[in-house]
Amino acid sequence: EDNMSFVYKFSKILKIKDKIFFKSFREFNGLSHRHEMFFKKRKIKFINDSKATSFESSKFALQSNSNILWIVGGLPKLGDKFYLNNLKKNIIKSYIIGKNVKFFENQLKGKIDFSVSRTLGTALKKIFNEIKNIRSKKEITVLLSPASASYDQYRNFEERGNEFKKLVKLYGKNFF
């Protein structure tokens, strides 16, 4: 929101007409793997934020969405701390993936509900199962924003993000 406000004000300085500004805004495609909403069906949206490799970089996605089923995990940054006080109201549950489970359990314990999944596939199977039981009339956000590097299971964040998108579409066929 702050960035868009700045860009809008800047467009006024450059004397860009509102009509042109808003048309460009609607047609703008963001970066792959950075808060990329790639699939939406019924009241469920799927966001690939695989590029978020620290808690600080996951905060935007956690602030910007609600009713989140959050996939988190991988190789955490040394000394990273999760400050969830103002964000936990947005998170229904978290699914820990990767090999560093203990770190994430310690960051989430007593703050938000979580389950250990270890892999993206297991996390998504659990999520699709649990969505059936969520009786919310509000939109649900399935968010891969791992707050850590991918190297414990993937070559890079792109591979992790592409795997997430592939699995959502695969498992989604049976769900929707």
Protein backbone atom coordinates (compact mmCIF):
# COMPACT_ATOMS: atom_id res chain seq x y z
CA GLU A 1 0.00 0.00 0.00
CA ASP A 2 2.80 2.42 0.90
CA ASN A 3 4.62 1.60 -2.35
CA MET A 4 1.50 2.15 -4.43
CA SER A 5 0.78 5.41 -2.65
CA PHE A 6 4.31 6.58 -3.45
CA VAL A 7 4.03 5.48 -7.10
CA TYR A 8 0.66 7.22 -7.44
CA LYS A 9 2.04 10.48 -5.99
CA PHE A 10 5.05 10.18 -8.28
CA SER A 11 2.72 9.71 -11.28
CA LYS A 12 1.06 13.03 -10.34
CA ILE A 13 4.45 14.78 -10.41
CA LEU A 14 5.04 13.30 -13.86
CA LYS A 15 1.54 14.47 -14.88
CA ILE A 16 0.35 10.98 -15.80
CA LYS A 17 -3.43 10.89 -16.13
CA ASP A 18 -5.36 8.77 -13.59
CA LYS A 19 -6.99 6.75 -16.36
CA ILE A 20 -3.60 5.71 -17.76
CA PHE A 21 -2.13 5.10 -14.29
CA PHE A 22 -4.98 2.80 -13.18
CA LYS A 23 -5.02 0.95 -16.51
CA SER A 24 -1.29 0.25 -16.11
CA PHE A 25 -1.82 -0.77 -12.49
CA ARG A 26 -4.51 -3.31 -13.46
CA GLU A 27 -2.32 -4.79 -16.20
CA PHE A 28 0.86 -4.94 -14.09
CA ASN A 29 2.29 -8.44 -13.59
CA GLY A 30 4.47 -8.83 -10.51
CA LEU A 31 7.59 -10.95 -10.22
CA SER A 32 7.35 -14.72 -10.17
CA HIS A 33 7.79 -16.19 -6.69
CA ARG A 34 7.22 -12.82 -4.96
CA HIS A 35 3.67 -12.68 -3.58
CA GLU A 36 2.47 -14.24 -6.84
CA MET A 37 -1.24 -15.05 -6.74
CA PHE A 38 -1.29 -17.80 -9.36
CA PHE A 39 -4.50 -19.75 -8.73
CA LYS A 40 -7.91 -18.91 -7.34
CA LYS A 41 -10.95 -21.15 -7.18
CA ARG A 42 -14.13 -20.69 -5.18
CA LYS A 43 -13.05 -18.76 -2.10
CA ILE A 44 -9.51 -20.12 -1.99
CA LYS A 45 -6.49 -18.29 -3.38
CA PHE A 46 -2.98 -19.66 -3.66
CA ILE A 47 0.03 -17.37 -3.32
CA ASN A 48 3.59 -18.33 -4.20
CA ASP A 49 5.99 -16.22 -2.13
CA SER A 50 8.89 -18.66 -2.36
CA LYS A 51 11.36 -15.78 -2.68
CA ALA A 52 10.68 -14.87 0.98
CA THR A 53 13.85 -16.26 2.56
CA SER A 54 13.64 -14.57 5.98
CA PHE A 55 10.85 -13.69 8.38
CA GLU A 56 11.24 -10.03 7.46
CA SER A 57 10.55 -10.87 3.81
CA SER A 58 7.49 -12.99 4.74
CA LYS A 59 5.90 -10.19 6.78
CA PHE A 60 4.34 -8.41 3.77
CA ALA A 61 2.43 -11.52 2.70
CA LEU A 62 1.32 -12.20 6.28
CA GLN A 63 0.16 -8.59 6.71
CA SER A 64 -1.56 -8.39 3.32
CA ASN A 65 -3.76 -11.49 3.58
CA SER A 66 -6.17 -13.04 6.03
CA ASN A 67 -7.41 -16.55 6.84
CA ILE A 68 -3.96 -17.84 5.94
CA LEU A 69 -2.86 -21.44 5.79
CA TRP A 70 0.89 -20.69 5.89
CA ILE A 71 3.58 -23.01 4.57
CA VAL A 72 6.88 -22.13 6.27
CA GLY A 73 10.27 -23.80 6.55
CA GLY A 74 13.63 -24.54 5.01
CA LEU A 75 17.03 -23.21 6.03
CA PRO A 76 16.43 -20.28 8.41
CA LYS A 77 18.69 -17.24 8.45
CA LEU A 78 21.06 -17.24 11.41
CA GLY A 79 19.50 -15.27 14.27
CA ASP A 80 16.13 -14.83 12.53
CA LYS A 81 13.23 -14.20 14.92
CA PHE A 82 9.51 -14.42 14.14
CA TYR A 83 7.53 -11.50 15.55
CA LEU A 84 3.97 -12.70 15.11
CA ASN A 85 2.04 -10.61 17.65
CA ASN A 86 0.41 -8.31 15.07
CA LEU A 87 0.17 -11.04 12.43
CA LYS A 88 -1.25 -14.09 14.20
CA LYS A 89 -4.83 -12.83 13.77
CA ASN A 90 -4.34 -13.37 10.00
CA ILE A 91 -3.08 -16.96 10.31
CA ILE A 92 -5.38 -19.96 10.74
CA LYS A 93 -2.59 -22.53 10.81
CA SER A 94 1.01 -23.08 9.74
CA TYR A 95 2.59 -26.11 8.05
CA ILE A 96 6.31 -26.62 8.68
CA ILE A 97 8.35 -28.03 5.80
CA GLY A 98 12.05 -28.76 5.47
CA LYS A 99 14.68 -30.34 7.64
CA ASN A 100 14.95 -27.63 10.34
CA VAL A 101 11.66 -28.44 12.05
CA LYS A 102 12.86 -27.63 15.60
CA PHE A 103 13.72 -24.03 14.72
CA PHE A 104 10.25 -23.38 13.32
CA GLU A 105 8.48 -25.22 16.14
CA ASN A 106 10.32 -22.96 18.60
CA GLN A 107 9.34 -19.82 16.65
CA LEU A 108 5.64 -20.79 16.37
CA LYS A 109 4.99 -22.67 19.64
CA GLY A 110 2.40 -20.93 21.79
CA LYS A 111 1.76 -18.29 19.10
CA ILE A 112 -0.09 -20.04 16.26
CA ASP A 113 -1.42 -23.51 15.51
CA PHE A 114 0.99 -25.56 13.40
CA SER A 115 1.65 -29.04 12.10
CA VAL A 116 4.86 -30.64 10.87
CA SER A 117 4.65 -31.65 7.22
CA ARG A 118 8.33 -31.79 6.16
CA THR A 119 7.51 -31.65 2.39
CA LEU A 120 5.41 -29.37 0.20
CA GLY A 121 3.41 -32.37 -1.00
CA THR A 122 2.49 -33.45 2.53
CA ALA A 123 1.66 -29.87 3.52
CA LEU A 124 -0.66 -29.42 0.55
CA LYS A 125 -2.39 -32.77 1.13
CA LYS A 126 -3.07 -31.70 4.74
CA ILE A 127 -4.25 -28.26 3.60
CA PHE A 128 -6.69 -29.60 1.00
CA ASN A 129 -8.00 -32.04 3.62
CA GLU A 130 -8.45 -29.30 6.23
CA ILE A 131 -10.05 -26.82 3.83
CA LYS A 132 -13.01 -29.21 3.59
CA ASN A 133 -13.60 -28.67 7.33
CA ILE A 134 -13.19 -24.89 7.42
CA ARG A 135 -16.63 -23.36 7.60
CA SER A 136 -15.57 -19.81 6.80
CA LYS A 137 -17.60 -17.70 4.43
CA LYS A 138 -14.47 -15.58 3.97
CA GLU A 139 -11.75 -16.14 1.42
CA ILE A 140 -8.96 -18.52 2.48
CA THR A 141 -5.35 -17.88 1.47
CA VAL A 142 -2.93 -20.77 1.02
CA LEU A 143 0.46 -19.10 1.29
CA LEU A 144 3.91 -20.47 0.58
CA SER A 145 6.07 -17.85 2.26
CA PRO A 146 8.78 -19.99 3.83
CA ALA A 147 10.77 -17.31 5.68
CA SER A 148 13.90 -19.33 4.89
CA ALA A 149 16.23 -20.49 2.15
CA SER A 150 15.32 -23.54 0.07
CA TYR A 151 18.68 -25.34 -0.08
CA ASP A 152 17.75 -28.12 2.34
CA GLN A 153 15.30 -29.55 -0.24
CA TYR A 154 15.63 -27.55 -3.48
CA ARG A 155 18.34 -26.01 -5.64
CA ASN A 156 16.81 -22.54 -5.24
CA PHE A 157 13.62 -20.63 -4.40
CA GLU A 158 12.46 -20.81 -8.05
CA GLU A 159 12.48 -24.61 -8.00
CA ARG A 160 10.60 -24.57 -4.67
CA GLY A 161 8.02 -22.11 -6.01
CA ASN A 162 7.53 -24.04 -9.24
CA GLU A 163 7.05 -27.27 -7.29
CA PHE A 164 4.41 -25.53 -5.14
CA LYS A 165 2.50 -24.32 -8.22
CA LYS A 166 2.71 -27.74 -9.88
CA LEU A 167 1.44 -29.55 -6.75
CA VAL A 168 -1.43 -27.08 -6.19
CA LYS A 169 -2.67 -27.69 -9.73
CA LEU A 170 -2.20 -31.46 -9.40
CA TYR A 171 -3.99 -31.82 -6.04
CA GLY A 172 -6.50 -29.12 -6.95
CA LYS A 173 -7.84 -31.27 -9.81
CA ASN A 174 -9.26 -33.73 -7.27
CA PHE A 175 -10.45 -31.03 -4.90
CA PHE A 176 -12.29 -28.54 -7.12
